[in-house]
Amino acid sequence: MSKSLIFIWMALLCINVHAQVPSAKVETITGEKVDIRDMLKDKITVISFWSSVCKPCIAELDAINDVIADWHSKANFQMIIIAIDDSRSLAKAKSLINGHNWNYIALFDKNQDMKRSFGVNFIPHVFVYDTNGKQVYSHTGYNPGGEDDVFNAIQKIQKH
């Protein structure tokens, strides 16, 4: 492979890692429409795409919920979960949030517009954004202990 092709390939990788958060409207738990970009201003933000029928999603959100108080004692960030459930399963998603006592900012992407704008193909899909709205970390799927990688990304931003 030529040096110029390697450079282009490396540049494309960097673009994906440091992408800006797309502008997209979603609903809050009360039905208010908000633009996700407005919610990220000057805040380290973790965004998790999930669904009420996705067992790994629920396991990951439970695992983060178990340690989030400790995380908040060490870092200043917000956690936003975005349910991609459609209108028919929206009630189940809201019930899960309440039943699991998840203390996250909950948003709902009933038409999956935000999911598409973020390029999410598999869930759970977690992104971490710095205070400038640039993506610094991303992963799909869930393995127990994987939440530590999310917190490590938060701490790296906090140190800079």
C-alpha atoms as a PDB file:
ATOM      1  CA  MET A   1       0.000   0.000   0.000  1.00  0.00           C
ATOM      2  CA  SER A   2       1.386   3.412  -0.924  1.00  0.00           C
ATOM      3  CA  LYS A   3       2.159   6.040   1.708  1.00  0.00           C
ATOM      4  CA  SER A   4      -0.584   8.321   0.362  1.00  0.00           C
ATOM      5  CA  LEU A   5      -3.208   5.562   0.658  1.00  0.00           C
ATOM      6  CA  ILE A   6      -2.067   4.800   4.204  1.00  0.00           C
ATOM      7  CA  PHE A   7      -2.343   8.495   5.078  1.00  0.00           C
ATOM      8  CA  ILE A   8      -5.870   8.717   3.616  1.00  0.00           C
ATOM      9  CA  TRP A   9      -6.912   5.561   5.466  1.00  0.00           C
ATOM     10  CA  MET A  10      -5.536   6.919   8.765  1.00  0.00           C
ATOM     11  CA  ALA A  11      -7.266  10.265   8.182  1.00  0.00           C
ATOM     12  CA  LEU A  12     -10.589   8.512   7.643  1.00  0.00           C
ATOM     13  CA  LEU A  13     -10.149   6.613  10.917  1.00  0.00           C
ATOM     14  CA  CYS A  14      -9.543   9.885  12.755  1.00  0.00           C
ATOM     15  CA  ILE A  15     -12.645  11.449  11.239  1.00  0.00           C
ATOM     16  CA  ASN A  16     -14.778   8.620  12.595  1.00  0.00           C
ATOM     17  CA  VAL A  17     -13.295   8.766  16.088  1.00  0.00           C
ATOM     18  CA  HIS A  18     -13.559  12.541  16.447  1.00  0.00           C
ATOM     19  CA  ALA A  19     -16.896  13.101  14.725  1.00  0.00           C
ATOM     20  CA  GLN A  20     -19.168  15.857  15.961  1.00  0.00           C
ATOM     21  CA  VAL A  21     -22.505  14.856  17.403  1.00  0.00           C
ATOM     22  CA  PRO A  22     -25.184  15.117  14.713  1.00  0.00           C
ATOM     23  CA  SER A  23     -28.141  17.409  15.188  1.00  0.00           C
ATOM     24  CA  ALA A  24     -31.304  15.354  15.706  1.00  0.00           C
ATOM     25  CA  LYS A  25     -34.623  15.825  17.492  1.00  0.00           C
ATOM     26  CA  VAL A  26     -35.913  13.280  19.986  1.00  0.00           C
ATOM     27  CA  GLU A  27     -38.540  13.207  22.723  1.00  0.00           C
ATOM     28  CA  THR A  28     -38.090  13.372  26.466  1.00  0.00           C
ATOM     29  CA  ILE A  29     -40.040  11.078  28.767  1.00  0.00           C
ATOM     30  CA  THR A  30     -42.707  13.817  28.979  1.00  0.00           C
ATOM     31  CA  GLY A  31     -43.001  14.082  25.183  1.00  0.00           C
ATOM     32  CA  GLU A  32     -41.085  17.353  24.770  1.00  0.00           C
ATOM     33  CA  LYS A  33     -38.974  17.542  21.575  1.00  0.00           C
ATOM     34  CA  VAL A  34     -35.298  18.369  22.127  1.00  0.00           C
ATOM     35  CA  ASP A  35     -32.214  18.578  19.923  1.00  0.00           C
ATOM     36  CA  ILE A  36     -29.494  16.288  21.217  1.00  0.00           C
ATOM     37  CA  ARG A  37     -26.770  18.738  20.179  1.00  0.00           C
ATOM     38  CA  ASP A  38     -28.164  21.378  22.556  1.00  0.00           C
ATOM     39  CA  MET A  39     -27.937  18.924  25.440  1.00  0.00           C
ATOM     40  CA  LEU A  40     -24.201  18.331  24.963  1.00  0.00           C
ATOM     41  CA  LYS A  41     -22.966  21.901  25.198  1.00  0.00           C
ATOM     42  CA  ASP A  42     -19.974  22.145  27.550  1.00  0.00           C
ATOM     43  CA  LYS A  43     -20.634  18.716  29.118  1.00  0.00           C
ATOM     44  CA  ILE A  44     -18.876  15.382  28.952  1.00  0.00           C
ATOM     45  CA  THR A  45     -21.675  13.129  27.754  1.00  0.00           C
ATOM     46  CA  VAL A  46     -22.227   9.407  27.517  1.00  0.00           C
ATOM     47  CA  ILE A  47     -24.941   8.407  25.038  1.00  0.00           C
ATOM     48  CA  SER A  48     -26.280   4.861  25.003  1.00  0.00           C
ATOM     49  CA  PHE A  49     -28.641   3.616  22.297  1.00  0.00           C
ATOM     50  CA  TRP A  50     -30.790   0.767  23.597  1.00  0.00           C
ATOM     51  CA  SER A  51     -34.122  -1.014  23.211  1.00  0.00           C
ATOM     52  CA  SER A  52     -36.552  -2.608  25.632  1.00  0.00           C
ATOM     53  CA  VAL A  53     -36.161  -5.970  23.851  1.00  0.00           C
ATOM     54  CA  CYS A  54     -32.340  -5.958  23.948  1.00  0.00           C
ATOM     55  CA  LYS A  55     -31.096  -8.002  26.918  1.00  0.00           C
ATOM     56  CA  PRO A  56     -27.434  -6.911  26.533  1.00  0.00           C
ATOM     57  CA  CYS A  57     -28.634  -3.282  26.493  1.00  0.00           C
ATOM     58  CA  ILE A  58     -30.503  -3.721  29.760  1.00  0.00           C
ATOM     59  CA  ALA A  59     -27.560  -5.587  31.319  1.00  0.00           C
ATOM     60  CA  GLU A  60     -25.181  -2.772  30.372  1.00  0.00           C
ATOM     61  CA  LEU A  61     -27.487  -0.042  31.672  1.00  0.00           C
ATOM     62  CA  ASP A  62     -27.938  -1.980  34.928  1.00  0.00           C
ATOM     63  CA  ALA A  63     -24.164  -2.395  35.270  1.00  0.00           C
ATOM     64  CA  ILE A  64     -23.560   1.313  34.723  1.00  0.00           C
ATOM     65  CA  ASN A  65     -26.377   2.162  37.109  1.00  0.00           C
ATOM     66  CA  ASP A  66     -24.635   0.089  39.808  1.00  0.00           C
ATOM     67  CA  VAL A  67     -21.477   2.223  39.582  1.00  0.00           C
ATOM     68  CA  ILE A  68     -22.705   5.591  38.323  1.00  0.00           C
ATOM     69  CA  ALA A  69     -22.828   7.211  41.783  1.00  0.00           C
ATOM     70  CA  ASP A  70     -19.149   6.351  42.229  1.00  0.00           C
ATOM     71  CA  TRP A  71     -18.383   7.639  38.717  1.00  0.00           C
ATOM     72  CA  HIS A  72     -20.148  10.921  39.480  1.00  0.00           C
ATOM     73  CA  SER A  73     -18.062  11.334  42.634  1.00  0.00           C
ATOM     74  CA  LYS A  74     -14.919  11.209  40.453  1.00  0.00           C
ATOM     75  CA  ALA A  75     -16.002  12.922  37.225  1.00  0.00           C
ATOM     76  CA  ASN A  76     -18.450  15.523  35.977  1.00  0.00           C
ATOM     77  CA  PHE A  77     -20.517  14.062  33.124  1.00  0.00           C
ATOM     78  CA  GLN A  78     -24.064  13.314  32.062  1.00  0.00           C
ATOM     79  CA  MET A  79     -25.557  10.010  30.931  1.00  0.00           C
ATOM     80  CA  ILE A  80     -28.190  10.019  28.194  1.00  0.00           C
ATOM     81  CA  ILE A  81     -29.991   6.862  27.152  1.00  0.00           C
ATOM     82  CA  ILE A  82     -31.856   6.829  23.857  1.00  0.00           C
ATOM     83  CA  ALA A  83     -34.519   4.171  23.400  1.00  0.00           C
ATOM     84  CA  ILE A  84     -35.041   3.206  19.770  1.00  0.00           C
ATOM     85  CA  ASP A  85     -38.366   1.504  20.537  1.00  0.00           C
ATOM     86  CA  ASP A  86     -41.230   2.409  18.215  1.00  0.00           C
ATOM     87  CA  SER A  87     -44.563   3.837  19.385  1.00  0.00           C
ATOM     88  CA  ARG A  88     -45.960   0.373  20.134  1.00  0.00           C
ATOM     89  CA  SER A  89     -43.179  -0.556  22.571  1.00  0.00           C
ATOM     90  CA  LEU A  90     -42.552   2.908  24.007  1.00  0.00           C
ATOM     91  CA  ALA A  91     -44.582   2.146  27.159  1.00  0.00           C
ATOM     92  CA  LYS A  92     -42.387  -0.907  27.829  1.00  0.00           C
ATOM     93  CA  ALA A  93     -39.238   1.212  27.528  1.00  0.00           C
ATOM     94  CA  LYS A  94     -40.602   3.793  29.972  1.00  0.00           C
ATOM     95  CA  SER A  95     -41.626   1.016  32.358  1.00  0.00           C
ATOM     96  CA  LEU A  96     -38.116  -0.467  32.259  1.00  0.00           C
ATOM     97  CA  ILE A  97     -36.564   2.910  33.059  1.00  0.00           C
ATOM     98  CA  ASN A  98     -38.803   3.311  36.100  1.00  0.00           C
ATOM     99  CA  GLY A  99     -38.637  -0.345  37.165  1.00  0.00           C
ATOM    100  CA  HIS A 100     -34.849  -0.446  37.117  1.00  0.00           C
ATOM    101  CA  ASN A 101     -34.559   2.959  38.822  1.00  0.00           C
ATOM    102  CA  TRP A 102     -32.218   4.197  36.126  1.00  0.00           C
ATOM    103  CA  ASN A 103     -31.275   7.742  36.969  1.00  0.00           C
ATOM    104  CA  TYR A 104     -30.316   8.725  33.428  1.00  0.00           C
ATOM    105  CA  ILE A 105     -31.579  11.380  31.056  1.00  0.00           C
ATOM    106  CA  ALA A 106     -34.003   9.308  28.988  1.00  0.00           C
ATOM    107  CA  LEU A 107     -34.831  10.174  25.381  1.00  0.00           C
ATOM    108  CA  PHE A 108     -36.943   8.355  22.825  1.00  0.00           C
ATOM    109  CA  ASP A 109     -36.184   7.956  19.126  1.00  0.00           C
ATOM    110  CA  LYS A 110     -39.483   6.412  17.970  1.00  0.00           C
ATOM    111  CA  ASN A 111     -38.775   6.869  14.249  1.00  0.00           C
ATOM    112  CA  GLN A 112     -35.098   5.953  14.645  1.00  0.00           C
ATOM    113  CA  ASP A 113     -34.011   9.185  12.944  1.00  0.00           C
ATOM    114  CA  MET A 114     -31.317   9.771  15.538  1.00  0.00           C
ATOM    115  CA  LYS A 115     -30.168   6.163  15.327  1.00  0.00           C
ATOM    116  CA  ARG A 116     -29.601   6.624  11.598  1.00  0.00           C
ATOM    117  CA  SER A 117     -27.892  10.003  11.978  1.00  0.00           C
ATOM    118  CA  PHE A 118     -25.445   8.489  14.486  1.00  0.00           C
ATOM    119  CA  GLY A 119     -24.797   5.513  12.202  1.00  0.00           C
ATOM    120  CA  VAL A 120     -25.970   3.018  14.801  1.00  0.00           C
ATOM    121  CA  ASN A 121     -26.438  -0.467  13.332  1.00  0.00           C
ATOM    122  CA  PHE A 122     -26.155  -2.643  16.441  1.00  0.00           C
ATOM    123  CA  ILE A 123     -27.257  -2.078  20.030  1.00  0.00           C
ATOM    124  CA  PRO A 124     -26.237  -1.451  22.647  1.00  0.00           C
ATOM    125  CA  HIS A 125     -24.103   1.280  21.112  1.00  0.00           C
ATOM    126  CA  VAL A 126     -22.364   3.677  23.480  1.00  0.00           C
ATOM    127  CA  PHE A 127     -20.661   6.946  22.567  1.00  0.00           C
ATOM    128  CA  VAL A 128     -18.646   9.305  24.764  1.00  0.00           C
ATOM    129  CA  TYR A 129     -18.396  12.983  23.764  1.00  0.00           C
ATOM    130  CA  ASP A 130     -16.046  15.603  25.159  1.00  0.00           C
ATOM    131  CA  THR A 131     -17.112  19.092  26.239  1.00  0.00           C
ATOM    132  CA  ASN A 132     -16.783  20.322  22.637  1.00  0.00           C
ATOM    133  CA  GLY A 133     -19.235  17.720  21.340  1.00  0.00           C
ATOM    134  CA  LYS A 134     -16.541  15.583  19.717  1.00  0.00           C
ATOM    135  CA  GLN A 135     -16.789  11.809  19.901  1.00  0.00           C
ATOM    136  CA  VAL A 136     -13.836  10.321  21.759  1.00  0.00           C
ATOM    137  CA  TYR A 137     -15.034   6.769  22.388  1.00  0.00           C
ATOM    138  CA  SER A 138     -17.547   4.298  20.993  1.00  0.00           C
ATOM    139  CA  HIS A 139     -18.425   0.632  21.401  1.00  0.00           C
ATOM    140  CA  THR A 140     -21.159  -1.779  20.405  1.00  0.00           C
ATOM    141  CA  GLY A 141     -22.364  -4.831  22.248  1.00  0.00           C
ATOM    142  CA  TYR A 142     -21.859  -5.555  25.916  1.00  0.00           C
ATOM    143  CA  ASN A 143     -19.524  -7.781  27.863  1.00  0.00           C
ATOM    144  CA  PRO A 144     -19.548  -7.649  31.678  1.00  0.00           C
ATOM    145  CA  GLY A 145     -16.875  -5.202  32.785  1.00  0.00           C
ATOM    146  CA  GLY A 146     -17.054  -3.265  29.517  1.00  0.00           C
ATOM    147  CA  GLU A 147     -18.523  -0.333  31.389  1.00  0.00           C
ATOM    148  CA  ASP A 148     -15.027   0.283  32.810  1.00  0.00           C
ATOM    149  CA  ASP A 149     -13.891   1.327  29.317  1.00  0.00           C
ATOM    150  CA  VAL A 150     -16.635   3.963  29.282  1.00  0.00           C
ATOM    151  CA  PHE A 151     -15.463   5.380  32.592  1.00  0.00           C
ATOM    152  CA  ASN A 152     -11.833   5.329  31.447  1.00  0.00           C
ATOM    153  CA  ALA A 153     -12.849   7.453  28.434  1.00  0.00           C
ATOM    154  CA  ILE A 154     -14.647   9.898  30.744  1.00  0.00           C
ATOM    155  CA  GLN A 155     -11.598  10.181  33.005  1.00  0.00           C
ATOM    156  CA  LYS A 156      -9.261  10.833  30.058  1.00  0.00           C
ATOM    157  CA  ILE A 157     -11.426  13.781  28.988  1.00  0.00           C
ATOM    158  CA  GLN A 158     -11.672  15.068  32.563  1.00  0.00           C
ATOM    159  CA  LYS A 159      -7.867  15.128  32.856  1.00  0.00           C
ATOM    160  CA  HIS A 160      -7.424  17.341  29.779  1.00  0.00           C
END
